[in-house]
Amino acid sequence: MRRIGDYAGENSVRIGVEHEGGTCADYLGLVATVAHPFVGAMLGLGHCTYFQSVLALRDPAEHVVALNETIRTMVRTLGAHLFSLHAHDVRQSDWRDHRCVGSGVIDSRALFEELKGVGYAGLF
């Protein structure tokens, strides 16, 4: 990934690595281990529902709270390493992602406050 980052830097682009499933720690660890200025995170908002810590929750209300807390924590933790957002929502009835932003359970207002707090200026 560092070689890809070098190539990206030579061409003035940044590479955002997306996640799907696994653990938050593994994903954050990957971004930290690569430690390259042109390789960072592409946070898939709806995909956060597939992190093991969120997916394991069966109570719908707890699932929603955990999903939104996870998203905000990821934004804060990634900070300047957050290069772009895969912006989509999650439908609560079946936990299906790739729904229109604002149509599901992701708290967009809290997300935007968090993004503002880290000075996010990347793509959506």
PDB file of N, CA and C in Angstrom:
ATOM      1  N   MET A   1       0.831  -1.193   0.000  1.00  0.00           N
ATOM      2  CA  MET A   1       0.000   0.000   0.000  1.00  0.00           C
ATOM      3  C   MET A   1       0.874   1.255   0.000  1.00  0.00           C
ATOM      4  N   ARG A   2       2.045   1.153   0.605  1.00  0.00           N
ATOM      5  CA  ARG A   2       2.933   2.320   0.587  1.00  0.00           C
ATOM      6  C   ARG A   2       3.419   2.619  -0.832  1.00  0.00           C
ATOM      7  N   ARG A   3       3.683   1.576  -1.614  1.00  0.00           N
ATOM      8  CA  ARG A   3       4.091   1.798  -3.014  1.00  0.00           C
ATOM      9  C   ARG A   3       2.957   2.456  -3.792  1.00  0.00           C
ATOM     10  N   ILE A   4       1.741   2.019  -3.512  1.00  0.00           N
ATOM     11  CA  ILE A   4       0.587   2.654  -4.159  1.00  0.00           C
ATOM     12  C   ILE A   4       0.498   4.110  -3.725  1.00  0.00           C
ATOM     13  N   GLY A   5       0.754   4.367  -2.442  1.00  0.00           N
ATOM     14  CA  GLY A   5       0.755   5.734  -1.935  1.00  0.00           C
ATOM     15  C   GLY A   5       1.818   6.588  -2.595  1.00  0.00           C
ATOM     16  N   ASP A   6       3.006   6.015  -2.812  1.00  0.00           N
ATOM     17  CA  ASP A   6       4.065   6.753  -3.507  1.00  0.00           C
ATOM     18  C   ASP A   6       3.619   7.128  -4.917  1.00  0.00           C
ATOM     19  N   TYR A   7       3.033   6.168  -5.619  1.00  0.00           N
ATOM     20  CA  TYR A   7       2.540   6.417  -6.961  1.00  0.00           C
ATOM     21  C   TYR A   7       1.445   7.493  -6.938  1.00  0.00           C
ATOM     22  N   ALA A   8       0.545   7.384  -5.969  1.00  0.00           N
ATOM     23  CA  ALA A   8      -0.524   8.379  -5.843  1.00  0.00           C
ATOM     24  C   ALA A   8       0.072   9.764  -5.627  1.00  0.00           C
ATOM     25  N   GLY A   9       1.066   9.855  -4.755  1.00  0.00           N
ATOM     26  CA  GLY A   9       1.708  11.139  -4.490  1.00  0.00           C
ATOM     27  C   GLY A   9       2.363  11.732  -5.720  1.00  0.00           C
ATOM     28  N   GLU A  10       2.999  10.889  -6.511  1.00  0.00           N
ATOM     29  CA  GLU A  10       3.636  11.345  -7.756  1.00  0.00           C
ATOM     30  C   GLU A  10       2.605  11.903  -8.730  1.00  0.00           C
ATOM     31  N   ASN A  11       1.365  11.472  -8.579  1.00  0.00           N
ATOM     32  CA  ASN A  11       0.297  11.900  -9.475  1.00  0.00           C
ATOM     33  C   ASN A  11      -0.724  12.817  -8.805  1.00  0.00           C
ATOM     34  N   SER A  12      -0.374  13.304  -7.623  1.00  0.00           N
ATOM     35  CA  SER A  12      -1.198  14.278  -6.891  1.00  0.00           C
ATOM     36  C   SER A  12      -2.621  13.801  -6.619  1.00  0.00           C
ATOM     37  N   VAL A  13      -2.755  12.522  -6.260  1.00  0.00           N
ATOM     38  CA  VAL A  13      -4.044  11.994  -5.830  1.00  0.00           C
ATOM     39  C   VAL A  13      -3.871  11.305  -4.482  1.00  0.00           C
ATOM     40  N   ARG A  14      -4.964  11.123  -3.789  1.00  0.00           N
ATOM     41  CA  ARG A  14      -4.927  10.402  -2.521  1.00  0.00           C
ATOM     42  C   ARG A  14      -5.783   9.149  -2.650  1.00  0.00           C
ATOM     43  N   ILE A  15      -5.383   8.106  -1.958  1.00  0.00           N
ATOM     44  CA  ILE A  15      -6.084   6.830  -1.976  1.00  0.00           C
ATOM     45  C   ILE A  15      -6.818   6.662  -0.653  1.00  0.00           C
ATOM     46  N   GLY A  16      -8.125   6.477  -0.711  1.00  0.00           N
ATOM     47  CA  GLY A  16      -8.923   6.213   0.471  1.00  0.00           C
ATOM     48  C   GLY A  16      -9.317   4.751   0.507  1.00  0.00           C
ATOM     49  N   VAL A  17      -8.900   4.041   1.531  1.00  0.00           N
ATOM     50  CA  VAL A  17      -9.199   2.619   1.670  1.00  0.00           C
ATOM     51  C   VAL A  17     -10.537   2.468   2.388  1.00  0.00           C
ATOM     52  N   GLU A  18     -11.478   1.789   1.738  1.00  0.00           N
ATOM     53  CA  GLU A  18     -12.797   1.574   2.330  1.00  0.00           C
ATOM     54  C   GLU A  18     -12.816   0.289   3.152  1.00  0.00           C
ATOM     55  N   HIS A  19     -13.736   0.191   4.047  1.00  0.00           N
ATOM     56  CA  HIS A  19     -13.893  -0.956   4.939  1.00  0.00           C
ATOM     57  C   HIS A  19     -15.236  -1.610   4.690  1.00  0.00           C
ATOM     58  N   GLU A  20     -15.343  -2.847   5.153  1.00  0.00           N
ATOM     59  CA  GLU A  20     -16.647  -3.501   5.198  1.00  0.00           C
ATOM     60  C   GLU A  20     -16.506  -4.697   6.131  1.00  0.00           C
ATOM     61  N   GLY A  21     -17.084  -4.563   7.290  1.00  0.00           N
ATOM     62  CA  GLY A  21     -17.026  -5.646   8.269  1.00  0.00           C
ATOM     63  C   GLY A  21     -15.748  -5.626   9.086  1.00  0.00           C
ATOM     64  N   GLY A  22     -15.527  -6.715   9.801  1.00  0.00           N
ATOM     65  CA  GLY A  22     -14.360  -6.797  10.674  1.00  0.00           C
ATOM     66  C   GLY A  22     -14.539  -5.968  11.922  1.00  0.00           C
ATOM     67  N   THR A  23     -13.433  -5.446  12.408  1.00  0.00           N
ATOM     68  CA  THR A  23     -13.498  -4.620  13.612  1.00  0.00           C
ATOM     69  C   THR A  23     -13.001  -3.213  13.311  1.00  0.00           C
ATOM     70  N   CYS A  24     -13.471  -2.272  14.106  1.00  0.00           N
ATOM     71  CA  CYS A  24     -13.005  -0.890  13.988  1.00  0.00           C
ATOM     72  C   CYS A  24     -11.500  -0.837  14.214  1.00  0.00           C
ATOM     73  N   ALA A  25     -11.036  -1.565  15.208  1.00  0.00           N
ATOM     74  CA  ALA A  25      -9.608  -1.557  15.548  1.00  0.00           C
ATOM     75  C   ALA A  25      -8.757  -2.051  14.383  1.00  0.00           C
ATOM     76  N   ASP A  26      -9.210  -3.088  13.692  1.00  0.00           N
ATOM     77  CA  ASP A  26      -8.455  -3.594  12.544  1.00  0.00           C
ATOM     78  C   ASP A  26      -8.371  -2.548  11.436  1.00  0.00           C
ATOM     79  N   TYR A  27      -9.474  -1.889  11.176  1.00  0.00           N
ATOM     80  CA  TYR A  27      -9.492  -0.874  10.115  1.00  0.00           C
ATOM     81  C   TYR A  27      -8.611   0.314  10.491  1.00  0.00           C
ATOM     82  N   LEU A  28      -8.779   0.805  11.702  1.00  0.00           N
ATOM     83  CA  LEU A  28      -7.948   1.924  12.155  1.00  0.00           C
ATOM     84  C   LEU A  28      -6.479   1.527  12.173  1.00  0.00           C
ATOM     85  N   GLY A  29      -6.212   0.278  12.572  1.00  0.00           N
ATOM     86  CA  GLY A  29      -4.845  -0.222  12.588  1.00  0.00           C
ATOM     87  C   GLY A  29      -4.231  -0.276  11.197  1.00  0.00           C
ATOM     88  N   LEU A  30      -5.029  -0.669  10.215  1.00  0.00           N
ATOM     89  CA  LEU A  30      -4.542  -0.713   8.843  1.00  0.00           C
ATOM     90  C   LEU A  30      -4.118   0.677   8.382  1.00  0.00           C
ATOM     91  N   VAL A  31      -4.986   1.656   8.596  1.00  0.00           N
ATOM     92  CA  VAL A  31      -4.678   3.031   8.175  1.00  0.00           C
ATOM     93  C   VAL A  31      -3.431   3.530   8.904  1.00  0.00           C
ATOM     94  N   ALA A  32      -3.338   3.254  10.207  1.00  0.00           N
ATOM     95  CA  ALA A  32      -2.185   3.695  10.993  1.00  0.00           C
ATOM     96  C   ALA A  32      -0.900   2.986  10.574  1.00  0.00           C
ATOM     97  N   THR A  33      -1.000   1.707  10.272  1.00  0.00           N
ATOM     98  CA  THR A  33       0.185   0.934   9.894  1.00  0.00           C
ATOM     99  C   THR A  33       0.734   1.364   8.538  1.00  0.00           C
ATOM    100  N   VAL A  34      -0.151   1.651   7.598  1.00  0.00           N
ATOM    101  CA  VAL A  34       0.296   2.116   6.286  1.00  0.00           C
ATOM    102  C   VAL A  34       1.037   3.446   6.451  1.00  0.00           C
ATOM    103  N   ALA A  35       0.513   4.315   7.283  1.00  0.00           N
ATOM    104  CA  ALA A  35       1.171   5.574   7.654  1.00  0.00           C
ATOM    105  C   ALA A  35       1.797   6.279   6.449  1.00  0.00           C
ATOM    106  N   HIS A  36       0.977   6.553   5.468  1.00  0.00           N
ATOM    107  CA  HIS A  36       1.451   7.217   4.257  1.00  0.00           C
ATOM    108  C   HIS A  36       0.596   8.462   4.028  1.00  0.00           C
ATOM    109  N   PRO A  37       1.214   9.604   3.691  1.00  0.00           N
ATOM    110  CA  PRO A  37       0.421  10.829   3.523  1.00  0.00           C
ATOM    111  C   PRO A  37      -0.582  10.786   2.380  1.00  0.00           C
ATOM    112  N   PHE A  38      -0.433   9.833   1.454  1.00  0.00           N
ATOM    113  CA  PHE A  38      -1.364   9.738   0.330  1.00  0.00           C
ATOM    114  C   PHE A  38      -2.270   8.518   0.412  1.00  0.00           C
ATOM    115  N   VAL A  39      -2.239   7.822   1.539  1.00  0.00           N
ATOM    116  CA  VAL A  39      -3.131   6.683   1.771  1.00  0.00           C
ATOM    117  C   VAL A  39      -3.851   6.924   3.091  1.00  0.00           C
ATOM    118  N   GLY A  40      -5.161   6.958   3.037  1.00  0.00           N
ATOM    119  CA  GLY A  40      -5.953   7.195   4.236  1.00  0.00           C
ATOM    120  C   GLY A  40      -7.236   6.388   4.200  1.00  0.00           C
ATOM    121  N   ALA A  41      -8.256   6.932   4.815  1.00  0.00           N
ATOM    122  CA  ALA A  41      -9.521   6.222   4.970  1.00  0.00           C
ATOM    123  C   ALA A  41     -10.602   6.793   4.061  1.00  0.00           C
ATOM    124  N   MET A  42     -11.425   5.887   3.558  1.00  0.00           N
ATOM    125  CA  MET A  42     -12.660   6.244   2.882  1.00  0.00           C
ATOM    126  C   MET A  42     -13.755   5.576   3.706  1.00  0.00           C
ATOM    127  N   LEU A  43     -14.337   6.335   4.601  1.00  0.00           N
ATOM    128  CA  LEU A  43     -15.290   5.797   5.559  1.00  0.00           C
ATOM    129  C   LEU A  43     -16.651   5.585   4.904  1.00  0.00           C
ATOM    130  N   GLY A  44     -17.077   4.328   4.832  1.00  0.00           N
ATOM    131  CA  GLY A  44     -18.396   3.993   4.321  1.00  0.00           C
ATOM    132  C   GLY A  44     -19.390   4.083   5.466  1.00  0.00           C
ATOM    133  N   LEU A  45     -20.203   5.120   5.477  1.00  0.00           N
ATOM    134  CA  LEU A  45     -21.096   5.359   6.622  1.00  0.00           C
ATOM    135  C   LEU A  45     -22.000   4.163   6.892  1.00  0.00           C
ATOM    136  N   GLY A  46     -22.700   3.691   5.877  1.00  0.00           N
ATOM    137  CA  GLY A  46     -23.587   2.547   6.059  1.00  0.00           C
ATOM    138  C   GLY A  46     -22.833   1.269   6.366  1.00  0.00           C
ATOM    139  N   HIS A  47     -21.608   1.179   5.858  1.00  0.00           N
ATOM    140  CA  HIS A  47     -20.812  -0.027   6.109  1.00  0.00           C
ATOM    141  C   HIS A  47     -20.415  -0.151   7.577  1.00  0.00           C
ATOM    142  N   CYS A  48     -20.493   0.935   8.320  1.00  0.00           N
ATOM    143  CA  CYS A  48     -20.179   0.860   9.758  1.00  0.00           C
ATOM    144  C   CYS A  48     -21.135  -0.077  10.496  1.00  0.00           C
ATOM    145  N   THR A  49     -22.299  -0.326   9.927  1.00  0.00           N
ATOM    146  CA  THR A  49     -23.239  -1.256  10.549  1.00  0.00           C
ATOM    147  C   THR A  49     -22.714  -2.689  10.507  1.00  0.00           C
ATOM    148  N   TYR A  50     -21.695  -2.945   9.674  1.00  0.00           N
ATOM    149  CA  TYR A  50     -21.123  -4.288   9.544  1.00  0.00           C
ATOM    150  C   TYR A  50     -19.892  -4.513  10.411  1.00  0.00           C
ATOM    151  N   PHE A  51     -19.478  -3.496  11.167  1.00  0.00           N
ATOM    152  CA  PHE A  51     -18.424  -3.743  12.146  1.00  0.00           C
ATOM    153  C   PHE A  51     -18.966  -4.714  13.184  1.00  0.00           C
ATOM    154  N   GLN A  52     -18.144  -5.646  13.619  1.00  0.00           N
ATOM    155  CA  GLN A  52     -18.586  -6.702  14.529  1.00  0.00           C
ATOM    156  C   GLN A  52     -19.268  -6.148  15.781  1.00  0.00           C
ATOM    157  N   SER A  53     -18.750  -5.051  16.329  1.00  0.00           N
ATOM    158  CA  SER A  53     -19.304  -4.488  17.563  1.00  0.00           C
ATOM    159  C   SER A  53     -20.731  -3.975  17.368  1.00  0.00           C
ATOM    160  N   VAL A  54     -21.062  -3.544  16.159  1.00  0.00           N
ATOM    161  CA  VAL A  54     -22.413  -3.043  15.860  1.00  0.00           C
ATOM    162  C   VAL A  54     -23.305  -4.195  15.409  1.00  0.00           C
ATOM    163  N   LEU A  55     -22.791  -5.022  14.546  1.00  0.00           N
ATOM    164  CA  LEU A  55     -23.558  -6.124  13.975  1.00  0.00           C
ATOM    165  C   LEU A  55     -24.048  -7.101  15.039  1.00  0.00           C
ATOM    166  N   ALA A  56     -23.285  -7.261  16.100  1.00  0.00           N
ATOM    167  CA  ALA A  56     -23.628  -8.229  17.147  1.00  0.00           C
ATOM    168  C   ALA A  56     -24.856  -7.824  17.959  1.00  0.00           C
ATOM    169  N   LEU A  57     -25.226  -6.554  17.912  1.00  0.00           N
ATOM    170  CA  LEU A  57     -26.357  -6.069  18.715  1.00  0.00           C
ATOM    171  C   LEU A  57     -27.675  -6.452  18.056  1.00  0.00           C
ATOM    172  N   ARG A  58     -28.563  -7.032  18.807  1.00  0.00           N
ATOM    173  CA  ARG A  58     -29.852  -7.476  18.269  1.00  0.00           C
ATOM    174  C   ARG A  58     -30.986  -6.497  18.578  1.00  0.00           C
ATOM    175  N   ASP A  59     -30.848  -5.746  19.647  1.00  0.00           N
ATOM    176  CA  ASP A  59     -31.873  -4.765  19.990  1.00  0.00           C
ATOM    177  C   ASP A  59     -31.770  -3.598  19.005  1.00  0.00           C
ATOM    178  N   PRO A  60     -32.836  -3.306  18.264  1.00  0.00           N
ATOM    179  CA  PRO A  60     -32.776  -2.253  17.246  1.00  0.00           C
ATOM    180  C   PRO A  60     -32.335  -0.890  17.777  1.00  0.00           C
ATOM    181  N   ALA A  61     -32.815  -0.515  18.936  1.00  0.00           N
ATOM    182  CA  ALA A  61     -32.435   0.789  19.496  1.00  0.00           C
ATOM    183  C   ALA A  61     -30.943   0.821  19.834  1.00  0.00           C
ATOM    184  N   GLU A  62     -30.434  -0.258  20.413  1.00  0.00           N
ATOM    185  CA  GLU A  62     -29.003  -0.329  20.728  1.00  0.00           C
ATOM    186  C   GLU A  62     -28.164  -0.329  19.459  1.00  0.00           C
ATOM    187  N   HIS A  63     -28.659  -0.997  18.436  1.00  0.00           N
ATOM    188  CA  HIS A  63     -27.952  -1.050  17.155  1.00  0.00           C
ATOM    189  C   HIS A  63     -27.811   0.359  16.576  1.00  0.00           C
ATOM    190  N   VAL A  64     -28.878   1.128  16.591  1.00  0.00           N
ATOM    191  CA  VAL A  64     -28.862   2.493  16.056  1.00  0.00           C
ATOM    192  C   VAL A  64     -27.880   3.353  16.839  1.00  0.00           C
ATOM    193  N   VAL A  65     -27.939   3.276  18.153  1.00  0.00           N
ATOM    194  CA  VAL A  65     -27.031   4.073  18.996  1.00  0.00           C
ATOM    195  C   VAL A  65     -25.584   3.693  18.715  1.00  0.00           C
ATOM    196  N   ALA A  66     -25.301   2.397  18.675  1.00  0.00           N
ATOM    197  CA  ALA A  66     -23.931   1.929  18.444  1.00  0.00           C
ATOM    198  C   ALA A  66     -23.426   2.332  17.064  1.00  0.00           C
ATOM    199  N   LEU A  67     -24.284   2.242  16.062  1.00  0.00           N
ATOM    200  CA  LEU A  67     -23.896   2.637  14.709  1.00  0.00           C
ATOM    201  C   LEU A  67     -23.482   4.101  14.680  1.00  0.00           C
ATOM    202  N   ASN A  68     -24.312   4.965  15.242  1.00  0.00           N
ATOM    203  CA  ASN A  68     -24.016   6.399  15.222  1.00  0.00           C
ATOM    204  C   ASN A  68     -22.803   6.747  16.072  1.00  0.00           C
ATOM    205  N   GLU A  69     -22.643   6.102  17.213  1.00  0.00           N
ATOM    206  CA  GLU A  69     -21.455   6.331  18.037  1.00  0.00           C
ATOM    207  C   GLU A  69     -20.201   5.865  17.311  1.00  0.00           C
ATOM    208  N   THR A  70     -20.299   4.736  16.626  1.00  0.00           N
ATOM    209  CA  THR A  70     -19.159   4.211  15.878  1.00  0.00           C
ATOM    210  C   THR A  70     -18.742   5.172  14.772  1.00  0.00           C
ATOM    211  N   ILE A  71     -19.704   5.689  14.038  1.00  0.00           N
ATOM    212  CA  ILE A  71     -19.397   6.635  12.957  1.00  0.00           C
ATOM    213  C   ILE A  71     -18.693   7.860  13.521  1.00  0.00           C
ATOM    214  N   ARG A  72     -19.234   8.435  14.590  1.00  0.00           N
ATOM    215  CA  ARG A  72     -18.625   9.634  15.168  1.00  0.00           C
ATOM    216  C   ARG A  72     -17.223   9.342  15.705  1.00  0.00           C
ATOM    217  N   THR A  73     -17.054   8.192  16.334  1.00  0.00           N
ATOM    218  CA  THR A  73     -15.735   7.811  16.858  1.00  0.00           C
ATOM    219  C   THR A  73     -14.733   7.625  15.727  1.00  0.00           C
ATOM    220  N   MET A  74     -15.163   6.996  14.651  1.00  0.00           N
ATOM    221  CA  MET A  74     -14.273   6.796  13.507  1.00  0.00           C
ATOM    222  C   MET A  74     -13.837   8.138  12.921  1.00  0.00           C
ATOM    223  N   VAL A  75     -14.759   9.068  12.770  1.00  0.00           N
ATOM    224  CA  VAL A  75     -14.417  10.394  12.237  1.00  0.00           C
ATOM    225  C   VAL A  75     -13.393  11.067  13.146  1.00  0.00           C
ATOM    226  N   ARG A  76     -13.650  11.081  14.455  1.00  0.00           N
ATOM    227  CA  ARG A  76     -12.710  11.712  15.402  1.00  0.00           C
ATOM    228  C   ARG A  76     -11.348  11.042  15.370  1.00  0.00           C
ATOM    229  N   THR A  77     -11.339   9.711  15.355  1.00  0.00           N
ATOM    230  CA  THR A  77     -10.084   8.966  15.416  1.00  0.00           C
ATOM    231  C   THR A  77      -9.281   9.124  14.133  1.00  0.00           C
ATOM    232  N   LEU A  78      -9.944   9.073  13.000  1.00  0.00           N
ATOM    233  CA  LEU A  78      -9.236   9.186  11.726  1.00  0.00           C
ATOM    234  C   LEU A  78      -8.754  10.607  11.467  1.00  0.00           C
ATOM    235  N   GLY A  79      -9.546  11.589  11.856  1.00  0.00           N
ATOM    236  CA  GLY A  79      -9.145  12.995  11.699  1.00  0.00           C
ATOM    237  C   GLY A  79      -8.616  13.298  10.312  1.00  0.00           C
ATOM    238  N   ALA A  80      -7.363  13.747  10.242  1.00  0.00           N
ATOM    239  CA  ALA A  80      -6.742  14.138   8.978  1.00  0.00           C
ATOM    240  C   ALA A  80      -6.522  12.959   8.034  1.00  0.00           C
ATOM    241  N   HIS A  81      -6.625  11.746   8.540  1.00  0.00           N
ATOM    242  CA  HIS A  81      -6.468  10.560   7.689  1.00  0.00           C
ATOM    243  C   HIS A  81      -7.778  10.151   7.016  1.00  0.00           C
ATOM    244  N   LEU A  82      -8.846  10.900   7.290  1.00  0.00           N
ATOM    245  CA  LEU A  82     -10.134  10.657   6.641  1.00  0.00           C
ATOM    246  C   LEU A  82     -10.150  11.441   5.337  1.00  0.00           C
ATOM    247  N   PHE A  83     -10.045  10.725   4.213  1.00  0.00           N
ATOM    248  CA  PHE A  83      -9.932  11.375   2.911  1.00  0.00           C
ATOM    249  C   PHE A  83     -11.272  11.550   2.217  1.00  0.00           C
ATOM    250  N   SER A  84     -12.196  10.615   2.417  1.00  0.00           N
ATOM    251  CA  SER A  84     -13.488  10.719   1.741  1.00  0.00           C
ATOM    252  C   SER A  84     -14.529   9.890   2.479  1.00  0.00           C
ATOM    253  N   LEU A  85     -15.788  10.199   2.165  1.00  0.00           N
ATOM    254  CA  LEU A  85     -16.915   9.495   2.766  1.00  0.00           C
ATOM    255  C   LEU A  85     -17.745   8.834   1.685  1.00  0.00           C
ATOM    256  N   HIS A  86     -18.077   7.587   1.900  1.00  0.00           N
ATOM    257  CA  HIS A  86     -19.068   6.892   1.066  1.00  0.00           C
ATOM    258  C   HIS A  86     -20.387   7.169   1.786  1.00  0.00           C
ATOM    259  N   ALA A  87     -21.066   8.203   1.344  1.00  0.00           N
ATOM    260  CA  ALA A  87     -22.247   8.700   2.054  1.00  0.00           C
ATOM    261  C   ALA A  87     -23.497   7.938   1.625  1.00  0.00           C
ATOM    262  N   HIS A  88     -24.022   7.157   2.548  1.00  0.00           N
ATOM    263  CA  HIS A  88     -25.287   6.460   2.349  1.00  0.00           C
ATOM    264  C   HIS A  88     -25.867   6.146   3.720  1.00  0.00           C
ATOM    265  N   ASP A  89     -27.095   5.740   3.760  1.00  0.00           N
ATOM    266  CA  ASP A  89     -27.793   5.524   5.020  1.00  0.00           C
ATOM    267  C   ASP A  89     -28.135   4.045   5.174  1.00  0.00           C
ATOM    268  N   VAL A  90     -28.728   3.714   6.324  1.00  0.00           N
ATOM    269  CA  VAL A  90     -29.085   2.333   6.650  1.00  0.00           C
ATOM    270  C   VAL A  90     -30.561   2.288   7.019  1.00  0.00           C
ATOM    271  N   ARG A  91     -31.287   1.407   6.363  1.00  0.00           N
ATOM    272  CA  ARG A  91     -32.709   1.210   6.663  1.00  0.00           C
ATOM    273  C   ARG A  91     -32.813   0.291   7.874  1.00  0.00           C
ATOM    274  N   GLN A  92     -33.535   0.705   8.897  1.00  0.00           N
ATOM    275  CA  GLN A  92     -33.601  -0.040  10.148  1.00  0.00           C
ATOM    276  C   GLN A  92     -34.354  -1.364  10.028  1.00  0.00           C
ATOM    277  N   SER A  93     -35.350  -1.443   9.196  1.00  0.00           N
ATOM    278  CA  SER A  93     -36.182  -2.649   9.155  1.00  0.00           C
ATOM    279  C   SER A  93     -35.399  -3.906   8.792  1.00  0.00           C
ATOM    280  N   ASP A  94     -34.381  -3.749   7.960  1.00  0.00           N
ATOM    281  CA  ASP A  94     -33.583  -4.923   7.559  1.00  0.00           C
ATOM    282  C   ASP A  94     -32.075  -4.645   7.591  1.00  0.00           C
ATOM    283  N   TRP A  95     -31.676  -3.482   8.104  1.00  0.00           N
ATOM    284  CA  TRP A  95     -30.280  -3.058   8.229  1.00  0.00           C
ATOM    285  C   TRP A  95     -29.585  -3.017   6.868  1.00  0.00           C
ATOM    286  N   ARG A  96     -30.356  -2.718   5.848  1.00  0.00           N
ATOM    287  CA  ARG A  96     -29.821  -2.615   4.490  1.00  0.00           C
ATOM    288  C   ARG A  96     -29.158  -1.258   4.319  1.00  0.00           C
ATOM    289  N   ASP A  97     -27.930  -1.275   3.830  1.00  0.00           N
ATOM    290  CA  ASP A  97     -27.224  -0.020   3.583  1.00  0.00           C
ATOM    291  C   ASP A  97     -27.447   0.429   2.135  1.00  0.00           C
ATOM    292  N   HIS A  98     -26.746   1.442   1.720  1.00  0.00           N
ATOM    293  CA  HIS A  98     -26.871   2.055   0.400  1.00  0.00           C
ATOM    294  C   HIS A  98     -28.262   2.660   0.174  1.00  0.00           C
ATOM    295  N   ARG A  99     -28.855   3.186   1.232  1.00  0.00           N
ATOM    296  CA  ARG A  99     -30.110   3.935   1.141  1.00  0.00           C
ATOM    297  C   ARG A  99     -29.752   5.420   1.041  1.00  0.00           C
ATOM    298  N   CYS A 100     -30.669   6.231   0.580  1.00  0.00           N
ATOM    299  CA  CYS A 100     -30.440   7.671   0.435  1.00  0.00           C
ATOM    300  C   CYS A 100     -30.124   8.304   1.789  1.00  0.00           C
ATOM    301  N   VAL A 101     -29.164   9.210   1.785  1.00  0.00           N
ATOM    302  CA  VAL A 101     -28.806   9.931   3.002  1.00  0.00           C
ATOM    303  C   VAL A 101     -30.047  10.640   3.537  1.00  0.00           C
ATOM    304  N   GLY A 102     -30.289  10.492   4.820  1.00  0.00           N
ATOM    305  CA  GLY A 102     -31.441  11.115   5.460  1.00  0.00           C
ATOM    306  C   GLY A 102     -32.675  10.239   5.505  1.00  0.00           C
ATOM    307  N   SER A 103     -32.613   9.062   4.879  1.00  0.00           N
ATOM    308  CA  SER A 103     -33.785   8.196   4.847  1.00  0.00           C
ATOM    309  C   SER A 103     -33.720   7.064   5.869  1.00  0.00           C
ATOM    310  N   GLY A 104     -32.628   6.980   6.600  1.00  0.00           N
ATOM    311  CA  GLY A 104     -32.455   5.865   7.534  1.00  0.00           C
ATOM    312  C   GLY A 104     -32.087   6.319   8.928  1.00  0.00           C
ATOM    313  N   VAL A 105     -31.243   5.534   9.578  1.00  0.00           N
ATOM    314  CA  VAL A 105     -30.967   5.723  11.006  1.00  0.00           C
ATOM    315  C   VAL A 105     -29.691   6.504  11.302  1.00  0.00           C
ATOM    316  N   ILE A 106     -28.910   6.830  10.292  1.00  0.00           N
ATOM    317  CA  ILE A 106     -27.687   7.593  10.555  1.00  0.00           C
ATOM    318  C   ILE A 106     -28.045   9.032  10.881  1.00  0.00           C
ATOM    319  N   ASP A 107     -27.506   9.514  11.978  1.00  0.00           N
ATOM    320  CA  ASP A 107     -27.757  10.873  12.453  1.00  0.00           C
ATOM    321  C   ASP A 107     -26.840  11.832  11.689  1.00  0.00           C
ATOM    322  N   SER A 108     -27.328  12.324  10.559  1.00  0.00           N
ATOM    323  CA  SER A 108     -26.516  13.185   9.687  1.00  0.00           C
ATOM    324  C   SER A 108     -26.102  14.478  10.375  1.00  0.00           C
ATOM    325  N   ARG A 109     -26.971  15.027  11.182  1.00  0.00           N
ATOM    326  CA  ARG A 109     -26.646  16.289  11.872  1.00  0.00           C
ATOM    327  C   ARG A 109     -25.442  16.096  12.795  1.00  0.00           C
ATOM    328  N   ALA A 110     -25.449  15.020  13.588  1.00  0.00           N
ATOM    329  CA  ALA A 110     -24.326  14.736  14.485  1.00  0.00           C
ATOM    330  C   ALA A 110     -23.066  14.419  13.679  1.00  0.00           C
ATOM    331  N   LEU A 111     -23.229  13.725  12.574  1.00  0.00           N
ATOM    332  CA  LEU A 111     -22.090  13.411  11.705  1.00  0.00           C
ATOM    333  C   LEU A 111     -21.447  14.693  11.193  1.00  0.00           C
ATOM    334  N   PHE A 112     -22.254  15.621  10.681  1.00  0.00           N
ATOM    335  CA  PHE A 112     -21.703  16.860  10.142  1.00  0.00           C
ATOM    336  C   PHE A 112     -21.031  17.698  11.225  1.00  0.00           C
ATOM    337  N   GLU A 113     -21.552  17.666  12.421  1.00  0.00           N
ATOM    338  CA  GLU A 113     -20.887  18.365  13.535  1.00  0.00           C
ATOM    339  C   GLU A 113     -19.518  17.749  13.809  1.00  0.00           C
ATOM    340  N   GLU A 114     -19.448  16.439  13.782  1.00  0.00           N
ATOM    341  CA  GLU A 114     -18.184  15.731  14.001  1.00  0.00           C
ATOM    342  C   GLU A 114     -17.199  16.055  12.885  1.00  0.00           C
ATOM    343  N   LEU A 115     -17.676  16.045  11.644  1.00  0.00           N
ATOM    344  CA  LEU A 115     -16.818  16.373  10.509  1.00  0.00           C
ATOM    345  C   LEU A 115     -16.289  17.801  10.617  1.00  0.00           C
ATOM    346  N   LYS A 116     -17.149  18.706  11.018  1.00  0.00           N
ATOM    347  CA  LYS A 116     -16.740  20.092  11.207  1.00  0.00           C
ATOM    348  C   LYS A 116     -15.655  20.168  12.280  1.00  0.00           C
ATOM    349  N   GLY A 117     -15.825  19.391  13.339  1.00  0.00           N
ATOM    350  CA  GLY A 117     -14.877  19.407  14.441  1.00  0.00           C
ATOM    351  C   GLY A 117     -13.478  18.950  14.070  1.00  0.00           C
ATOM    352  N   VAL A 118     -13.359  18.068  13.080  1.00  0.00           N
ATOM    353  CA  VAL A 118     -12.033  17.599  12.658  1.00  0.00           C
ATOM    354  C   VAL A 118     -11.531  18.352  11.430  1.00  0.00           C
ATOM    355  N   GLY A 119     -12.314  19.333  10.966  1.00  0.00           N
ATOM    356  CA  GLY A 119     -11.900  20.134   9.805  1.00  0.00           C
ATOM    357  C   GLY A 119     -11.960  19.374   8.496  1.00  0.00           C
ATOM    358  N   TYR A 120     -12.915  18.454   8.403  1.00  0.00           N
ATOM    359  CA  TYR A 120     -13.035  17.626   7.200  1.00  0.00           C
ATOM    360  C   TYR A 120     -13.367  18.488   5.987  1.00  0.00           C
ATOM    361  N   ALA A 121     -12.606  18.293   4.914  1.00  0.00           N
ATOM    362  CA  ALA A 121     -12.839  19.028   3.671  1.00  0.00           C
ATOM    363  C   ALA A 121     -12.770  18.082   2.478  1.00  0.00           C
ATOM    364  N   GLY A 122     -13.017  16.793   2.730  1.00  0.00           N
ATOM    365  CA  GLY A 122     -12.893  15.789   1.667  1.00  0.00           C
ATOM    366  C   GLY A 122     -14.175  15.629   0.871  1.00  0.00           C
ATOM    367  N   LEU A 123     -14.175  14.578   0.090  1.00  0.00           N
ATOM    368  CA  LEU A 123     -15.294  14.278  -0.799  1.00  0.00           C
ATOM    369  C   LEU A 123     -16.411  13.519  -0.069  1.00  0.00           C
ATOM    370  N   PHE A 124     -17.612  13.615  -0.630  1.00  0.00           N
ATOM    371  CA  PHE A 124     -18.764  12.831  -0.175  1.00  0.00           C
ATOM    372  C   PHE A 124     -19.229  12.004  -1.347  1.00  0.00           C
TER     373      PHE A 124
END
